[in-house]
Amino acid sequence: MPWHGMAWQWLRPALSTNLATNPAVLTNTAGLVASLATGNTPGIATNAAGLTAAVTPVLVSAFTPAPASEAALAAAPAS
């Protein structure tokens, strides 16, 4: 597989949906684009920090393994 195909494997549909529907991510992304377009340096810094703060919990939860008890329940056969 070419490297560019492997680079995006971590971006699962649920993760991208969580990011795309998160109001803080959308607000800070729009603010960052507007600040970049106008050259508003304080706005760039504020929105970049806000975007980082909004994205971090989503990414951490996406890559945190389930606790052992939840993993056992998921693997248990349905009764």
PDB file of N, CA and C in Angstrom:
ATOM      1  N   MET A   1       0.852  -1.179   0.000  1.00  0.00           N
ATOM      2  CA  MET A   1       0.000   0.000   0.000  1.00  0.00           C
ATOM      3  C   MET A   1       0.896   1.240   0.000  1.00  0.00           C
ATOM      4  N   PRO A   2       0.588   2.224  -0.823  1.00  0.00           N
ATOM      5  CA  PRO A   2       1.409   3.432  -0.840  1.00  0.00           C
ATOM      6  C   PRO A   2       1.314   4.179   0.487  1.00  0.00           C
ATOM      7  N   TRP A   3       2.333   4.935   0.801  1.00  0.00           N
ATOM      8  CA  TRP A   3       2.385   5.628   2.090  1.00  0.00           C
ATOM      9  C   TRP A   3       1.207   6.563   2.287  1.00  0.00           C
ATOM     10  N   HIS A   4       0.710   7.189   1.220  1.00  0.00           N
ATOM     11  CA  HIS A   4      -0.396   8.132   1.391  1.00  0.00           C
ATOM     12  C   HIS A   4      -1.691   7.414   1.745  1.00  0.00           C
ATOM     13  N   GLY A   5      -1.814   6.139   1.406  1.00  0.00           N
ATOM     14  CA  GLY A   5      -2.992   5.373   1.813  1.00  0.00           C
ATOM     15  C   GLY A   5      -2.936   4.983   3.271  1.00  0.00           C
ATOM     16  N   MET A   6      -1.740   4.705   3.758  1.00  0.00           N
ATOM     17  CA  MET A   6      -1.581   4.319   5.160  1.00  0.00           C
ATOM     18  C   MET A   6      -1.688   5.517   6.087  1.00  0.00           C
ATOM     19  N   ALA A   7      -1.359   6.687   5.598  1.00  0.00           N
ATOM     20  CA  ALA A   7      -1.331   7.866   6.456  1.00  0.00           C
ATOM     21  C   ALA A   7      -2.709   8.216   6.999  1.00  0.00           C
ATOM     22  N   TRP A   8      -3.766   7.852   6.289  1.00  0.00           N
ATOM     23  CA  TRP A   8      -5.113   8.230   6.719  1.00  0.00           C
ATOM     24  C   TRP A   8      -5.906   7.068   7.304  1.00  0.00           C
ATOM     25  N   GLN A   9      -5.281   5.927   7.553  1.00  0.00           N
ATOM     26  CA  GLN A   9      -6.015   4.785   8.093  1.00  0.00           C
ATOM     27  C   GLN A   9      -6.579   5.066   9.478  1.00  0.00           C
ATOM     28  N   TRP A  10      -5.922   5.922  10.246  1.00  0.00           N
ATOM     29  CA  TRP A  10      -6.379   6.212  11.601  1.00  0.00           C
ATOM     30  C   TRP A  10      -7.668   7.031  11.595  1.00  0.00           C
ATOM     31  N   LEU A  11      -8.001   7.666  10.461  1.00  0.00           N
ATOM     32  CA  LEU A  11      -9.173   8.525  10.404  1.00  0.00           C
ATOM     33  C   LEU A  11     -10.405   7.678  10.094  1.00  0.00           C
ATOM     34  N   ARG A  12     -10.967   7.105  11.128  1.00  0.00           N
ATOM     35  CA  ARG A  12     -12.137   6.248  10.975  1.00  0.00           C
ATOM     36  C   ARG A  12     -13.395   7.104  10.823  1.00  0.00           C
ATOM     37  N   PRO A  13     -14.461   6.553  10.247  1.00  0.00           N
ATOM     38  CA  PRO A  13     -15.682   7.337  10.054  1.00  0.00           C
ATOM     39  C   PRO A  13     -16.241   7.920  11.343  1.00  0.00           C
ATOM     40  N   ALA A  14     -16.242   7.159  12.429  1.00  0.00           N
ATOM     41  CA  ALA A  14     -16.785   7.677  13.685  1.00  0.00           C
ATOM     42  C   ALA A  14     -15.964   8.856  14.189  1.00  0.00           C
ATOM     43  N   LEU A  15     -14.661   8.769  14.039  1.00  0.00           N
ATOM     44  CA  LEU A  15     -13.793   9.853  14.484  1.00  0.00           C
ATOM     45  C   LEU A  15     -14.045  11.113  13.671  1.00  0.00           C
ATOM     46  N   SER A  16     -14.115  10.976  12.369  1.00  0.00           N
ATOM     47  CA  SER A  16     -14.345  12.157  11.533  1.00  0.00           C
ATOM     48  C   SER A  16     -15.734  12.737  11.774  1.00  0.00           C
ATOM     49  N   THR A  17     -16.724  11.888  12.056  1.00  0.00           N
ATOM     50  CA  THR A  17     -18.062  12.379  12.377  1.00  0.00           C
ATOM     51  C   THR A  17     -18.044  13.146  13.686  1.00  0.00           C
ATOM     52  N   ASN A  18     -17.352  12.618  14.687  1.00  0.00           N
ATOM     53  CA  ASN A  18     -17.269  13.309  15.971  1.00  0.00           C
ATOM     54  C   ASN A  18     -16.590  14.663  15.828  1.00  0.00           C
ATOM     55  N   LEU A  19     -15.584  14.748  14.997  1.00  0.00           N
ATOM     56  CA  LEU A  19     -14.900  16.024  14.793  1.00  0.00           C
ATOM     57  C   LEU A  19     -15.766  16.990  13.990  1.00  0.00           C
ATOM     58  N   ALA A  20     -16.416  16.491  12.954  1.00  0.00           N
ATOM     59  CA  ALA A  20     -17.188  17.351  12.059  1.00  0.00           C
ATOM     60  C   ALA A  20     -18.481  17.851  12.682  1.00  0.00           C
ATOM     61  N   THR A  21     -18.967  17.191  13.724  1.00  0.00           N
ATOM     62  CA  THR A  21     -20.213  17.618  14.359  1.00  0.00           C
ATOM     63  C   THR A  21     -19.979  18.285  15.707  1.00  0.00           C
ATOM     64  N   ASN A  22     -18.735  18.457  16.091  1.00  0.00           N
ATOM     65  CA  ASN A  22     -18.409  19.092  17.363  1.00  0.00           C
ATOM     66  C   ASN A  22     -18.476  20.611  17.182  1.00  0.00           C
ATOM     67  N   PRO A  23     -19.390  21.301  17.901  1.00  0.00           N
ATOM     68  CA  PRO A  23     -19.534  22.751  17.716  1.00  0.00           C
ATOM     69  C   PRO A  23     -18.251  23.534  17.993  1.00  0.00           C
ATOM     70  N   ALA A  24     -17.472  23.115  18.985  1.00  0.00           N
ATOM     71  CA  ALA A  24     -16.230  23.831  19.297  1.00  0.00           C
ATOM     72  C   ALA A  24     -15.219  23.690  18.163  1.00  0.00           C
ATOM     73  N   VAL A  25     -15.167  22.518  17.549  1.00  0.00           N
ATOM     74  CA  VAL A  25     -14.253  22.307  16.419  1.00  0.00           C
ATOM     75  C   VAL A  25     -14.688  23.178  15.242  1.00  0.00           C
ATOM     76  N   LEU A  26     -15.971  23.182  14.949  1.00  0.00           N
ATOM     77  CA  LEU A  26     -16.475  23.970  13.826  1.00  0.00           C
ATOM     78  C   LEU A  26     -16.258  25.461  14.041  1.00  0.00           C
ATOM     79  N   THR A  27     -16.561  25.947  15.239  1.00  0.00           N
ATOM     80  CA  THR A  27     -16.412  27.366  15.546  1.00  0.00           C
ATOM     81  C   THR A  27     -14.957  27.806  15.440  1.00  0.00           C
ATOM     82  N   ASN A  28     -14.064  27.027  16.046  1.00  0.00           N
ATOM     83  CA  ASN A  28     -12.652  27.405  16.020  1.00  0.00           C
ATOM     84  C   ASN A  28     -12.041  27.258  14.632  1.00  0.00           C
ATOM     85  N   THR A  29     -12.501  26.285  13.859  1.00  0.00           N
ATOM     86  CA  THR A  29     -12.011  26.145  12.485  1.00  0.00           C
ATOM     87  C   THR A  29     -12.438  27.345  11.645  1.00  0.00           C
ATOM     88  N   ALA A  30     -13.699  27.726  11.762  1.00  0.00           N
ATOM     89  CA  ALA A  30     -14.185  28.891  11.015  1.00  0.00           C
ATOM     90  C   ALA A  30     -13.460  30.161  11.457  1.00  0.00           C
ATOM     91  N   GLY A  31     -13.253  30.308  12.753  1.00  0.00           N
ATOM     92  CA  GLY A  31     -12.528  31.475  13.257  1.00  0.00           C
ATOM     93  C   GLY A  31     -11.089  31.501  12.793  1.00  0.00           C
ATOM     94  N   LEU A  32     -10.464  30.338  12.743  1.00  0.00           N
ATOM     95  CA  LEU A  32      -9.076  30.254  12.285  1.00  0.00           C
ATOM     96  C   LEU A  32      -8.968  30.636  10.810  1.00  0.00           C
ATOM     97  N   VAL A  33      -9.881  30.132  10.001  1.00  0.00           N
ATOM     98  CA  VAL A  33      -9.872  30.470   8.570  1.00  0.00           C
ATOM     99  C   VAL A  33     -10.099  31.968   8.378  1.00  0.00           C
ATOM    100  N   ALA A  34     -11.062  32.532   9.101  1.00  0.00           N
ATOM    101  CA  ALA A  34     -11.337  33.968   8.983  1.00  0.00           C
ATOM    102  C   ALA A  34     -10.145  34.800   9.449  1.00  0.00           C
ATOM    103  N   SER A  35      -9.513  34.379  10.530  1.00  0.00           N
ATOM    104  CA  SER A  35      -8.351  35.108  11.042  1.00  0.00           C
ATOM    105  C   SER A  35      -7.174  35.023  10.081  1.00  0.00           C
ATOM    106  N   LEU A  36      -6.983  33.865   9.485  1.00  0.00           N
ATOM    107  CA  LEU A  36      -5.915  33.721   8.492  1.00  0.00           C
ATOM    108  C   LEU A  36      -6.179  34.602   7.272  1.00  0.00           C
ATOM    109  N   ALA A  37      -7.435  34.671   6.856  1.00  0.00           N
ATOM    110  CA  ALA A  37      -7.785  35.455   5.673  1.00  0.00           C
ATOM    111  C   ALA A  37      -7.572  36.949   5.896  1.00  0.00           C
ATOM    112  N   THR A  38      -7.788  37.414   7.126  1.00  0.00           N
ATOM    113  CA  THR A  38      -7.657  38.841   7.411  1.00  0.00           C
ATOM    114  C   THR A  38      -6.300  39.203   8.001  1.00  0.00           C
ATOM    115  N   GLY A  39      -5.504  38.206   8.360  1.00  0.00           N
ATOM    116  CA  GLY A  39      -4.204  38.481   8.967  1.00  0.00           C
ATOM    117  C   GLY A  39      -4.296  38.869  10.428  1.00  0.00           C
ATOM    118  N   ASN A  40      -5.366  38.485  11.081  1.00  0.00           N
ATOM    119  CA  ASN A  40      -5.590  38.803  12.491  1.00  0.00           C
ATOM    120  C   ASN A  40      -4.759  37.854  13.357  1.00  0.00           C
ATOM    121  N   THR A  41      -3.557  38.286  13.726  1.00  0.00           N
ATOM    122  CA  THR A  41      -2.633  37.416  14.458  1.00  0.00           C
ATOM    123  C   THR A  41      -3.179  36.953  15.805  1.00  0.00           C
ATOM    124  N   PRO A  42      -3.749  37.843  16.637  1.00  0.00           N
ATOM    125  CA  PRO A  42      -4.313  37.341  17.904  1.00  0.00           C
ATOM    126  C   PRO A  42      -5.454  36.343  17.683  1.00  0.00           C
ATOM    127  N   GLY A  43      -6.242  36.568  16.646  1.00  0.00           N
ATOM    128  CA  GLY A  43      -7.324  35.638  16.325  1.00  0.00           C
ATOM    129  C   GLY A  43      -6.804  34.287  15.880  1.00  0.00           C
ATOM    130  N   ILE A  44      -5.702  34.299  15.139  1.00  0.00           N
ATOM    131  CA  ILE A  44      -5.083  33.038  14.710  1.00  0.00           C
ATOM    132  C   ILE A  44      -4.649  32.243  15.930  1.00  0.00           C
ATOM    133  N   ALA A  45      -3.964  32.911  16.851  1.00  0.00           N
ATOM    134  CA  ALA A  45      -3.474  32.227  18.054  1.00  0.00           C
ATOM    135  C   ALA A  45      -4.622  31.714  18.912  1.00  0.00           C
ATOM    136  N   THR A  46      -5.641  32.543  19.097  1.00  0.00           N
ATOM    137  CA  THR A  46      -6.784  32.154  19.931  1.00  0.00           C
ATOM    138  C   THR A  46      -7.524  30.965  19.334  1.00  0.00           C
ATOM    139  N   ASN A  47      -7.799  31.030  18.042  1.00  0.00           N
ATOM    140  CA  ASN A  47      -8.548  29.944  17.407  1.00  0.00           C
ATOM    141  C   ASN A  47      -7.724  28.674  17.260  1.00  0.00           C
ATOM    142  N   ALA A  48      -6.424  28.806  17.055  1.00  0.00           N
ATOM    143  CA  ALA A  48      -5.569  27.615  16.989  1.00  0.00           C
ATOM    144  C   ALA A  48      -5.539  26.915  18.344  1.00  0.00           C
ATOM    145  N   ALA A  49      -5.441  27.692  19.414  1.00  0.00           N
ATOM    146  CA  ALA A  49      -5.462  27.100  20.759  1.00  0.00           C
ATOM    147  C   ALA A  49      -6.823  26.482  21.054  1.00  0.00           C
ATOM    148  N   GLY A  50      -7.892  27.163  20.670  1.00  0.00           N
ATOM    149  CA  GLY A  50      -9.235  26.628  20.880  1.00  0.00           C
ATOM    150  C   GLY A  50      -9.482  25.363  20.084  1.00  0.00           C
ATOM    151  N   LEU A  51      -8.967  25.329  18.865  1.00  0.00           N
ATOM    152  CA  LEU A  51      -9.119  24.133  18.032  1.00  0.00           C
ATOM    153  C   LEU A  51      -8.352  22.962  18.629  1.00  0.00           C
ATOM    154  N   THR A  52      -7.159  23.230  19.119  1.00  0.00           N
ATOM    155  CA  THR A  52      -6.376  22.175  19.773  1.00  0.00           C
ATOM    156  C   THR A  52      -7.110  21.641  20.992  1.00  0.00           C
ATOM    157  N   ALA A  53      -7.668  22.542  21.792  1.00  0.00           N
ATOM    158  CA  ALA A  53      -8.405  22.127  22.990  1.00  0.00           C
ATOM    159  C   ALA A  53      -9.673  21.355  22.636  1.00  0.00           C
ATOM    160  N   ALA A  54     -10.305  21.689  21.527  1.00  0.00           N
ATOM    161  CA  ALA A  54     -11.536  21.002  21.129  1.00  0.00           C
ATOM    162  C   ALA A  54     -11.263  19.636  20.520  1.00  0.00           C
ATOM    163  N   VAL A  55     -10.163  19.497  19.818  1.00  0.00           N
ATOM    164  CA  VAL A  55      -9.853  18.252  19.115  1.00  0.00           C
ATOM    165  C   VAL A  55      -9.226  17.211  20.036  1.00  0.00           C
ATOM    166  N   THR A  56      -8.455  17.643  21.004  1.00  0.00           N
ATOM    167  CA  THR A  56      -7.706  16.717  21.859  1.00  0.00           C
ATOM    168  C   THR A  56      -8.584  15.676  22.550  1.00  0.00           C
ATOM    169  N   PRO A  57      -9.683  16.048  23.225  1.00  0.00           N
ATOM    170  CA  PRO A  57     -10.495  15.004  23.883  1.00  0.00           C
ATOM    171  C   PRO A  57     -11.087  13.991  22.905  1.00  0.00           C
ATOM    172  N   VAL A  58     -11.465  14.447  21.724  1.00  0.00           N
ATOM    173  CA  VAL A  58     -12.030  13.538  20.720  1.00  0.00           C
ATOM    174  C   VAL A  58     -10.972  12.534  20.271  1.00  0.00           C
ATOM    175  N   LEU A  59      -9.764  13.019  20.017  1.00  0.00           N
ATOM    176  CA  LEU A  59      -8.692  12.122  19.576  1.00  0.00           C
ATOM    177  C   LEU A  59      -8.256  11.171  20.678  1.00  0.00           C
ATOM    178  N   VAL A  60      -8.165  11.671  21.904  1.00  0.00           N
ATOM    179  CA  VAL A  60      -7.752  10.809  23.017  1.00  0.00           C
ATOM    180  C   VAL A  60      -8.772   9.697  23.226  1.00  0.00           C
ATOM    181  N   SER A  61     -10.062  10.029  23.205  1.00  0.00           N
ATOM    182  CA  SER A  61     -11.079   8.997  23.415  1.00  0.00           C
ATOM    183  C   SER A  61     -11.113   8.005  22.259  1.00  0.00           C
ATOM    184  N   ALA A  62     -10.776   8.448  21.060  1.00  0.00           N
ATOM    185  CA  ALA A  62     -10.785   7.544  19.905  1.00  0.00           C
ATOM    186  C   ALA A  62      -9.662   6.518  19.974  1.00  0.00           C
ATOM    187  N   PHE A  63      -8.553   6.876  20.611  1.00  0.00           N
ATOM    188  CA  PHE A  63      -7.404   5.982  20.641  1.00  0.00           C
ATOM    189  C   PHE A  63      -7.183   5.328  21.995  1.00  0.00           C
ATOM    190  N   THR A  64      -8.084   5.551  22.950  1.00  0.00           N
ATOM    191  CA  THR A  64      -7.970   4.919  24.252  1.00  0.00           C
ATOM    192  C   THR A  64      -8.641   3.555  24.185  1.00  0.00           C
ATOM    193  N   PRO A  65      -7.931   2.493  24.559  1.00  0.00           N
ATOM    194  CA  PRO A  65      -8.554   1.167  24.512  1.00  0.00           C
ATOM    195  C   PRO A  65      -9.673   1.053  25.549  1.00  0.00           C
ATOM    196  N   ALA A  66     -10.638   0.222  25.253  1.00  0.00           N
ATOM    197  CA  ALA A  66     -11.740  -0.010  26.185  1.00  0.00           C
ATOM    198  C   ALA A  66     -11.218  -0.721  27.422  1.00  0.00           C
ATOM    199  N   PRO A  67     -11.820  -0.442  28.595  1.00  0.00           N
ATOM    200  CA  PRO A  67     -11.423  -1.179  29.798  1.00  0.00           C
ATOM    201  C   PRO A  67     -11.630  -2.679  29.601  1.00  0.00           C
ATOM    202  N   ALA A  68     -10.912  -3.460  30.360  1.00  0.00           N
ATOM    203  CA  ALA A  68     -10.964  -4.920  30.211  1.00  0.00           C
ATOM    204  C   ALA A  68     -12.382  -5.450  30.370  1.00  0.00           C
ATOM    205  N   SER A  69     -13.164  -4.879  31.282  1.00  0.00           N
ATOM    206  CA  SER A  69     -14.528  -5.369  31.494  1.00  0.00           C
ATOM    207  C   SER A  69     -15.391  -5.141  30.258  1.00  0.00           C
ATOM    208  N   GLU A  70     -15.242  -3.988  29.600  1.00  0.00           N
ATOM    209  CA  GLU A  70     -16.013  -3.720  28.388  1.00  0.00           C
ATOM    210  C   GLU A  70     -15.550  -4.604  27.239  1.00  0.00           C
ATOM    211  N   ALA A  71     -14.267  -4.850  27.160  1.00  0.00           N
ATOM    212  CA  ALA A  71     -13.742  -5.709  26.102  1.00  0.00           C
ATOM    213  C   ALA A  71     -14.256  -7.135  26.273  1.00  0.00           C
ATOM    214  N   ALA A  72     -14.335  -7.598  27.520  1.00  0.00           N
ATOM    215  CA  ALA A  72     -14.844  -8.942  27.776  1.00  0.00           C
ATOM    216  C   ALA A  72     -16.320  -9.034  27.410  1.00  0.00           C
ATOM    217  N   LEU A  73     -17.088  -7.997  27.716  1.00  0.00           N
ATOM    218  CA  LEU A  73     -18.505  -7.999  27.366  1.00  0.00           C
ATOM    219  C   LEU A  73     -18.694  -7.985  25.850  1.00  0.00           C
ATOM    220  N   ALA A  74     -17.869  -7.235  25.161  1.00  0.00           N
ATOM    221  CA  ALA A  74     -17.986  -7.158  23.707  1.00  0.00           C
ATOM    222  C   ALA A  74     -17.628  -8.490  23.056  1.00  0.00           C
ATOM    223  N   ALA A  75     -16.718  -9.233  23.663  1.00  0.00           N
ATOM    224  CA  ALA A  75     -16.285 -10.504  23.091  1.00  0.00           C
ATOM    225  C   ALA A  75     -17.177 -11.671  23.508  1.00  0.00           C
ATOM    226  N   ALA A  76     -18.015 -11.464  24.526  1.00  0.00           N
ATOM    227  CA  ALA A  76     -18.864 -12.546  25.027  1.00  0.00           C
ATOM    228  C   ALA A  76     -19.936 -12.890  23.993  1.00  0.00           C
ATOM    229  N   PRO A  77     -20.248 -14.168  23.860  1.00  0.00           N
ATOM    230  CA  PRO A  77     -21.299 -14.557  22.915  1.00  0.00           C
ATOM    231  C   PRO A  77     -22.663 -14.064  23.394  1.00  0.00           C
ATOM    232  N   ALA A  78     -23.510 -13.718  22.459  1.00  0.00           N
ATOM    233  CA  ALA A  78     -24.857 -13.264  22.804  1.00  0.00           C
ATOM    234  C   ALA A  78     -25.665 -14.438  23.329  1.00  0.00           C
ATOM    235  N   SER A  79     -26.460 -14.162  24.342  1.00  0.00           N
ATOM    236  CA  SER A  79     -27.260 -15.259  24.914  1.00  0.00           C
ATOM    237  C   SER A  79     -28.696 -15.176  24.470  1.00  0.00           C
TER     238      SER A  79
END
